[in-house]
Amino acid sequence: MIRVNRLNGKELIINCDMIETIEATPDTVITLVNGHKYVVVQDVEEIRDSVIAYKRKLYTEGKTDI
């Protein structure tokens, strides 16, 4: 899950496994696999970095529990 902010400033937590596309139009639009779209203030690179950090943390923590 990643945290993003809508244009009105409200925080939104998105399941990054459900992200289909991230577009800069110039606002950043996240489209989920179910077709829902969210316009957020973070840029594409910030979202990509958040997804990578989340996945890295998830997989690293999972390996230490074994």
PDB file of N, CA and C in Angstrom:
ATOM      1  N   MET A   1       0.848  -1.172   0.000  1.00  0.00           N
ATOM      2  CA  MET A   1       0.000   0.000   0.000  1.00  0.00           C
ATOM      3  C   MET A   1       0.896   1.238   0.000  1.00  0.00           C
ATOM      4  N   ILE A   2       0.495   2.227  -0.769  1.00  0.00           N
ATOM      5  CA  ILE A   2       1.247   3.481  -0.813  1.00  0.00           C
ATOM      6  C   ILE A   2       0.314   4.637  -0.479  1.00  0.00           C
ATOM      7  N   ARG A   3       0.904   5.692   0.075  1.00  0.00           N
ATOM      8  CA  ARG A   3       0.147   6.896   0.419  1.00  0.00           C
ATOM      9  C   ARG A   3       0.348   7.932  -0.674  1.00  0.00           C
ATOM     10  N   VAL A   4      -0.763   8.513  -1.118  1.00  0.00           N
ATOM     11  CA  VAL A   4      -0.729   9.616  -2.077  1.00  0.00           C
ATOM     12  C   VAL A   4      -1.727  10.662  -1.604  1.00  0.00           C
ATOM     13  N   ASN A   5      -1.678  11.835  -2.210  1.00  0.00           N
ATOM     14  CA  ASN A   5      -2.607  12.903  -1.851  1.00  0.00           C
ATOM     15  C   ASN A   5      -3.374  13.346  -3.083  1.00  0.00           C
ATOM     16  N   ARG A   6      -4.687  13.450  -2.912  1.00  0.00           N
ATOM     17  CA  ARG A   6      -5.519  13.993  -3.985  1.00  0.00           C
ATOM     18  C   ARG A   6      -5.233  15.478  -4.131  1.00  0.00           C
ATOM     19  N   LEU A   7      -5.735  16.089  -5.181  1.00  0.00           N
ATOM     20  CA  LEU A   7      -5.506  17.512  -5.412  1.00  0.00           C
ATOM     21  C   LEU A   7      -6.081  18.375  -4.297  1.00  0.00           C
ATOM     22  N   ASN A   8      -7.133  17.887  -3.615  1.00  0.00           N
ATOM     23  CA  ASN A   8      -7.726  18.651  -2.516  1.00  0.00           C
ATOM     24  C   ASN A   8      -6.965  18.468  -1.199  1.00  0.00           C
ATOM     25  N   GLY A   9      -5.852  17.712  -1.231  1.00  0.00           N
ATOM     26  CA  GLY A   9      -5.020  17.526  -0.054  1.00  0.00           C
ATOM     27  C   GLY A   9      -5.347  16.301   0.777  1.00  0.00           C
ATOM     28  N   LYS A  10      -6.464  15.641   0.508  1.00  0.00           N
ATOM     29  CA  LYS A  10      -6.832  14.464   1.292  1.00  0.00           C
ATOM     30  C   LYS A  10      -5.931  13.287   0.944  1.00  0.00           C
ATOM     31  N   GLU A  11      -5.517  12.573   2.005  1.00  0.00           N
ATOM     32  CA  GLU A  11      -4.644  11.420   1.821  1.00  0.00           C
ATOM     33  C   GLU A  11      -5.446  10.217   1.336  1.00  0.00           C
ATOM     34  N   LEU A  12      -4.817   9.444   0.482  1.00  0.00           N
ATOM     35  CA  LEU A  12      -5.432   8.247  -0.076  1.00  0.00           C
ATOM     36  C   LEU A  12      -4.391   7.138  -0.009  1.00  0.00           C
ATOM     37  N   ILE A  13      -4.803   5.964   0.424  1.00  0.00           N
ATOM     38  CA  ILE A  13      -3.896   4.817   0.459  1.00  0.00           C
ATOM     39  C   ILE A  13      -4.346   3.854  -0.631  1.00  0.00           C
ATOM     40  N   ILE A  14      -3.417   3.532  -1.524  1.00  0.00           N
ATOM     41  CA  ILE A  14      -3.740   2.719  -2.698  1.00  0.00           C
ATOM     42  C   ILE A  14      -2.968   1.404  -2.633  1.00  0.00           C
ATOM     43  N   ASN A  15      -3.639   0.331  -2.990  1.00  0.00           N
ATOM     44  CA  ASN A  15      -2.988  -0.967  -3.122  1.00  0.00           C
ATOM     45  C   ASN A  15      -2.168  -0.931  -4.409  1.00  0.00           C
ATOM     46  N   CYS A  16      -0.849  -0.912  -4.277  1.00  0.00           N
ATOM     47  CA  CYS A  16      -0.009  -0.745  -5.464  1.00  0.00           C
ATOM     48  C   CYS A  16      -0.051  -1.961  -6.389  1.00  0.00           C
ATOM     49  N   ASP A  17      -0.541  -3.094  -5.910  1.00  0.00           N
ATOM     50  CA  ASP A  17      -0.699  -4.252  -6.787  1.00  0.00           C
ATOM     51  C   ASP A  17      -1.870  -4.071  -7.750  1.00  0.00           C
ATOM     52  N   MET A  18      -2.717  -3.093  -7.482  1.00  0.00           N
ATOM     53  CA  MET A  18      -3.883  -2.835  -8.333  1.00  0.00           C
ATOM     54  C   MET A  18      -3.635  -1.733  -9.363  1.00  0.00           C
ATOM     55  N   ILE A  19      -2.447  -1.119  -9.346  1.00  0.00           N
ATOM     56  CA  ILE A  19      -2.154  -0.035 -10.283  1.00  0.00           C
ATOM     57  C   ILE A  19      -1.906  -0.617 -11.669  1.00  0.00           C
ATOM     58  N   GLU A  20      -2.648  -0.094 -12.646  1.00  0.00           N
ATOM     59  CA  GLU A  20      -2.442  -0.495 -14.038  1.00  0.00           C
ATOM     60  C   GLU A  20      -1.522   0.496 -14.743  1.00  0.00           C
ATOM     61  N   THR A  21      -1.827   1.805 -14.607  1.00  0.00           N
ATOM     62  CA  THR A  21      -0.993   2.824 -15.243  1.00  0.00           C
ATOM     63  C   THR A  21      -0.865   4.039 -14.334  1.00  0.00           C
ATOM     64  N   ILE A  22       0.224   4.783 -14.558  1.00  0.00           N
ATOM     65  CA  ILE A  22       0.439   6.081 -13.920  1.00  0.00           C
ATOM     66  C   ILE A  22       0.817   7.032 -15.041  1.00  0.00           C
ATOM     67  N   GLU A  23       0.035   8.102 -15.207  1.00  0.00           N
ATOM     68  CA  GLU A  23       0.264   9.039 -16.303  1.00  0.00           C
ATOM     69  C   GLU A  23       0.451  10.452 -15.777  1.00  0.00           C
ATOM     70  N   ALA A  24       1.300  11.218 -16.453  1.00  0.00           N
ATOM     71  CA  ALA A  24       1.442  12.649 -16.180  1.00  0.00           C
ATOM     72  C   ALA A  24       0.732  13.389 -17.304  1.00  0.00           C
ATOM     73  N   THR A  25      -0.343  14.133 -16.972  1.00  0.00           N
ATOM     74  CA  THR A  25      -1.201  14.690 -18.032  1.00  0.00           C
ATOM     75  C   THR A  25      -1.526  16.181 -17.966  1.00  0.00           C
ATOM     76  N   PRO A  26      -1.000  17.157 -17.386  1.00  0.00           N
ATOM     77  CA  PRO A  26       0.185  17.229 -16.544  1.00  0.00           C
ATOM     78  C   PRO A  26      -0.050  16.787 -15.110  1.00  0.00           C
ATOM     79  N   ASP A  27      -1.309  16.760 -14.629  1.00  0.00           N
ATOM     80  CA  ASP A  27      -1.538  16.176 -13.302  1.00  0.00           C
ATOM     81  C   ASP A  27      -1.277  14.677 -13.394  1.00  0.00           C
ATOM     82  N   THR A  28      -0.926  14.077 -12.277  1.00  0.00           N
ATOM     83  CA  THR A  28      -0.649  12.645 -12.271  1.00  0.00           C
ATOM     84  C   THR A  28      -1.952  11.885 -12.065  1.00  0.00           C
ATOM     85  N   VAL A  29      -2.223  10.945 -12.967  1.00  0.00           N
ATOM     86  CA  VAL A  29      -3.432  10.131 -12.911  1.00  0.00           C
ATOM     87  C   VAL A  29      -3.024   8.676 -12.706  1.00  0.00           C
ATOM     88  N   ILE A  30      -3.540   8.091 -11.621  1.00  0.00           N
ATOM     89  CA  ILE A  30      -3.318   6.670 -11.348  1.00  0.00           C
ATOM     90  C   ILE A  30      -4.579   5.935 -11.779  1.00  0.00           C
ATOM     91  N   THR A  31      -4.420   4.947 -12.653  1.00  0.00           N
ATOM     92  CA  THR A  31      -5.546   4.124 -13.083  1.00  0.00           C
ATOM     93  C   THR A  31      -5.352   2.729 -12.510  1.00  0.00           C
ATOM     94  N   LEU A  32      -6.386   2.235 -11.836  1.00  0.00           N
ATOM     95  CA  LEU A  32      -6.338   0.894 -11.263  1.00  0.00           C
ATOM     96  C   LEU A  32      -6.889  -0.118 -12.261  1.00  0.00           C
ATOM     97  N   VAL A  33      -6.637  -1.391 -12.010  1.00  0.00           N
ATOM     98  CA  VAL A  33      -7.090  -2.435 -12.925  1.00  0.00           C
ATOM     99  C   VAL A  33      -8.611  -2.522 -13.005  1.00  0.00           C
ATOM    100  N   ASN A  34      -9.319  -1.989 -12.006  1.00  0.00           N
ATOM    101  CA  ASN A  34     -10.781  -1.999 -12.034  1.00  0.00           C
ATOM    102  C   ASN A  34     -11.351  -0.786 -12.767  1.00  0.00           C
ATOM    103  N   GLY A  35     -10.460   0.075 -13.306  1.00  0.00           N
ATOM    104  CA  GLY A  35     -10.900   1.233 -14.067  1.00  0.00           C
ATOM    105  C   GLY A  35     -11.013   2.520 -13.276  1.00  0.00           C
ATOM    106  N   HIS A  36     -10.926   2.458 -11.958  1.00  0.00           N
ATOM    107  CA  HIS A  36     -10.991   3.676 -11.145  1.00  0.00           C
ATOM    108  C   HIS A  36      -9.755   4.522 -11.400  1.00  0.00           C
ATOM    109  N   LYS A  37      -9.962   5.835 -11.466  1.00  0.00           N
ATOM    110  CA  LYS A  37      -8.869   6.772 -11.714  1.00  0.00           C
ATOM    111  C   LYS A  37      -8.770   7.748 -10.553  1.00  0.00           C
ATOM    112  N   TYR A  38      -7.538   8.070 -10.181  1.00  0.00           N
ATOM    113  CA  TYR A  38      -7.283   9.011  -9.104  1.00  0.00           C
ATOM    114  C   TYR A  38      -6.266  10.036  -9.581  1.00  0.00           C
ATOM    115  N   VAL A  39      -6.600  11.318  -9.425  1.00  0.00           N
ATOM    116  CA  VAL A  39      -5.680  12.400  -9.753  1.00  0.00           C
ATOM    117  C   VAL A  39      -4.989  12.794  -8.454  1.00  0.00           C
ATOM    118  N   VAL A  40      -3.660  12.760  -8.466  1.00  0.00           N
ATOM    119  CA  VAL A  40      -2.895  12.987  -7.242  1.00  0.00           C
ATOM    120  C   VAL A  40      -1.816  14.042  -7.467  1.00  0.00           C
ATOM    121  N   VAL A  41      -1.281  14.576  -6.358  1.00  0.00           N
ATOM    122  CA  VAL A  41      -0.270  15.630  -6.455  1.00  0.00           C
ATOM    123  C   VAL A  41       1.139  15.080  -6.674  1.00  0.00           C
ATOM    124  N   GLN A  42       1.405  13.857  -6.258  1.00  0.00           N
ATOM    125  CA  GLN A  42       2.737  13.282  -6.438  1.00  0.00           C
ATOM    126  C   GLN A  42       3.004  13.071  -7.928  1.00  0.00           C
ATOM    127  N   ASP A  43       4.282  13.196  -8.299  1.00  0.00           N
ATOM    128  CA  ASP A  43       4.604  12.948  -9.703  1.00  0.00           C
ATOM    129  C   ASP A  43       4.866  11.455  -9.929  1.00  0.00           C
ATOM    130  N   VAL A  44       4.985  11.084 -11.184  1.00  0.00           N
ATOM    131  CA  VAL A  44       5.135   9.679 -11.557  1.00  0.00           C
ATOM    132  C   VAL A  44       6.340   9.051 -10.858  1.00  0.00           C
ATOM    133  N   GLU A  45       7.445   9.770 -10.813  1.00  0.00           N
ATOM    134  CA  GLU A  45       8.659   9.228 -10.204  1.00  0.00           C
ATOM    135  C   GLU A  45       8.488   8.986  -8.705  1.00  0.00           C
ATOM    136  N   GLU A  46       7.794   9.889  -8.015  1.00  0.00           N
ATOM    137  CA  GLU A  46       7.546   9.705  -6.576  1.00  0.00           C
ATOM    138  C   GLU A  46       6.708   8.457  -6.329  1.00  0.00           C
ATOM    139  N   ILE A  47       5.691   8.262  -7.152  1.00  0.00           N
ATOM    140  CA  ILE A  47       4.825   7.094  -6.990  1.00  0.00           C
ATOM    141  C   ILE A  47       5.611   5.823  -7.280  1.00  0.00           C
ATOM    142  N   ARG A  48       6.385   5.838  -8.357  1.00  0.00           N
ATOM    143  CA  ARG A  48       7.218   4.682  -8.692  1.00  0.00           C
ATOM    144  C   ARG A  48       8.162   4.358  -7.537  1.00  0.00           C
ATOM    145  N   ASP A  49       8.808   5.374  -6.980  1.00  0.00           N
ATOM    146  CA  ASP A  49       9.726   5.164  -5.862  1.00  0.00           C
ATOM    147  C   ASP A  49       9.002   4.616  -4.634  1.00  0.00           C
ATOM    148  N   SER A  50       7.783   5.078  -4.381  1.00  0.00           N
ATOM    149  CA  SER A  50       6.989   4.578  -3.249  1.00  0.00           C
ATOM    150  C   SER A  50       6.641   3.110  -3.437  1.00  0.00           C
ATOM    151  N   VAL A  51       6.286   2.731  -4.659  1.00  0.00           N
ATOM    152  CA  VAL A  51       5.957   1.328  -4.947  1.00  0.00           C
ATOM    153  C   VAL A  51       7.194   0.456  -4.749  1.00  0.00           C
ATOM    154  N   ILE A  52       8.329   0.898  -5.266  1.00  0.00           N
ATOM    155  CA  ILE A  52       9.568   0.130  -5.121  1.00  0.00           C
ATOM    156  C   ILE A  52       9.931  -0.018  -3.645  1.00  0.00           C
ATOM    157  N   ALA A  53       9.843   1.059  -2.879  1.00  0.00           N
ATOM    158  CA  ALA A  53      10.169   1.005  -1.448  1.00  0.00           C
ATOM    159  C   ALA A  53       9.227   0.063  -0.708  1.00  0.00           C
ATOM    160  N   TYR A  54       7.938   0.117  -1.038  1.00  0.00           N
ATOM    161  CA  TYR A  54       6.963  -0.760  -0.388  1.00  0.00           C
ATOM    162  C   TYR A  54       7.268  -2.224  -0.693  1.00  0.00           C
ATOM    163  N   LYS A  55       7.498  -2.528  -1.967  1.00  0.00           N
ATOM    164  CA  LYS A  55       7.767  -3.922  -2.358  1.00  0.00           C
ATOM    165  C   LYS A  55       9.077  -4.410  -1.733  1.00  0.00           C
ATOM    166  N   ARG A  56      10.088  -3.562  -1.723  1.00  0.00           N
ATOM    167  CA  ARG A  56      11.374  -3.936  -1.130  1.00  0.00           C
ATOM    168  C   ARG A  56      11.190  -4.258   0.356  1.00  0.00           C
ATOM    169  N   LYS A  57      10.454  -3.408   1.061  1.00  0.00           N
ATOM    170  CA  LYS A  57      10.199  -3.633   2.487  1.00  0.00           C
ATOM    171  C   LYS A  57       9.401  -4.914   2.696  1.00  0.00           C
ATOM    172  N   LEU A  58       8.393  -5.121   1.881  1.00  0.00           N
ATOM    173  CA  LEU A  58       7.540  -6.302   1.992  1.00  0.00           C
ATOM    174  C   LEU A  58       8.350  -7.581   1.811  1.00  0.00           C
ATOM    175  N   TYR A  59       9.159  -7.645   0.770  1.00  0.00           N
ATOM    176  CA  TYR A  59       9.925  -8.854   0.483  1.00  0.00           C
ATOM    177  C   TYR A  59      11.074  -9.049   1.461  1.00  0.00           C
ATOM    178  N   THR A  60      11.686  -7.973   1.918  1.00  0.00           N
ATOM    179  CA  THR A  60      12.784  -8.079   2.877  1.00  0.00           C
ATOM    180  C   THR A  60      12.275  -8.561   4.230  1.00  0.00           C
ATOM    181  N   GLU A  61      11.169  -8.001   4.696  1.00  0.00           N
ATOM    182  CA  GLU A  61      10.607  -8.419   5.986  1.00  0.00           C
ATOM    183  C   GLU A  61      10.113  -9.847   5.924  1.00  0.00           C
ATOM    184  N   GLY A  62       9.568 -10.253   4.797  1.00  0.00           N
ATOM    185  CA  GLY A  62       9.071 -11.618   4.641  1.00  0.00           C
ATOM    186  C   GLY A  62      10.180 -12.645   4.740  1.00  0.00           C
ATOM    187  N   LYS A  63      11.358 -12.313   4.247  1.00  0.00           N
ATOM    188  CA  LYS A  63      12.479 -13.253   4.271  1.00  0.00           C
ATOM    189  C   LYS A  63      13.044 -13.425   5.671  1.00  0.00           C
ATOM    190  N   THR A  64      12.959 -12.411   6.518  1.00  0.00           N
ATOM    191  CA  THR A  64      13.521 -12.516   7.864  1.00  0.00           C
ATOM    192  C   THR A  64      12.633 -13.334   8.793  1.00  0.00           C
ATOM    193  N   ASP A  65      11.373 -13.531   8.418  1.00  0.00           N
ATOM    194  CA  ASP A  65      10.453 -14.295   9.258  1.00  0.00           C
ATOM    195  C   ASP A  65      10.608 -15.795   9.079  1.00  0.00           C
ATOM    196  N   ILE A  66      11.351 -16.229   8.088  1.00  0.00           N
ATOM    197  CA  ILE A  66      11.470 -17.671   7.792  1.00  0.00           C
ATOM    198  C   ILE A  66      12.468 -18.317   8.714  1.00  0.00           C
TER     199      ILE A  66
END
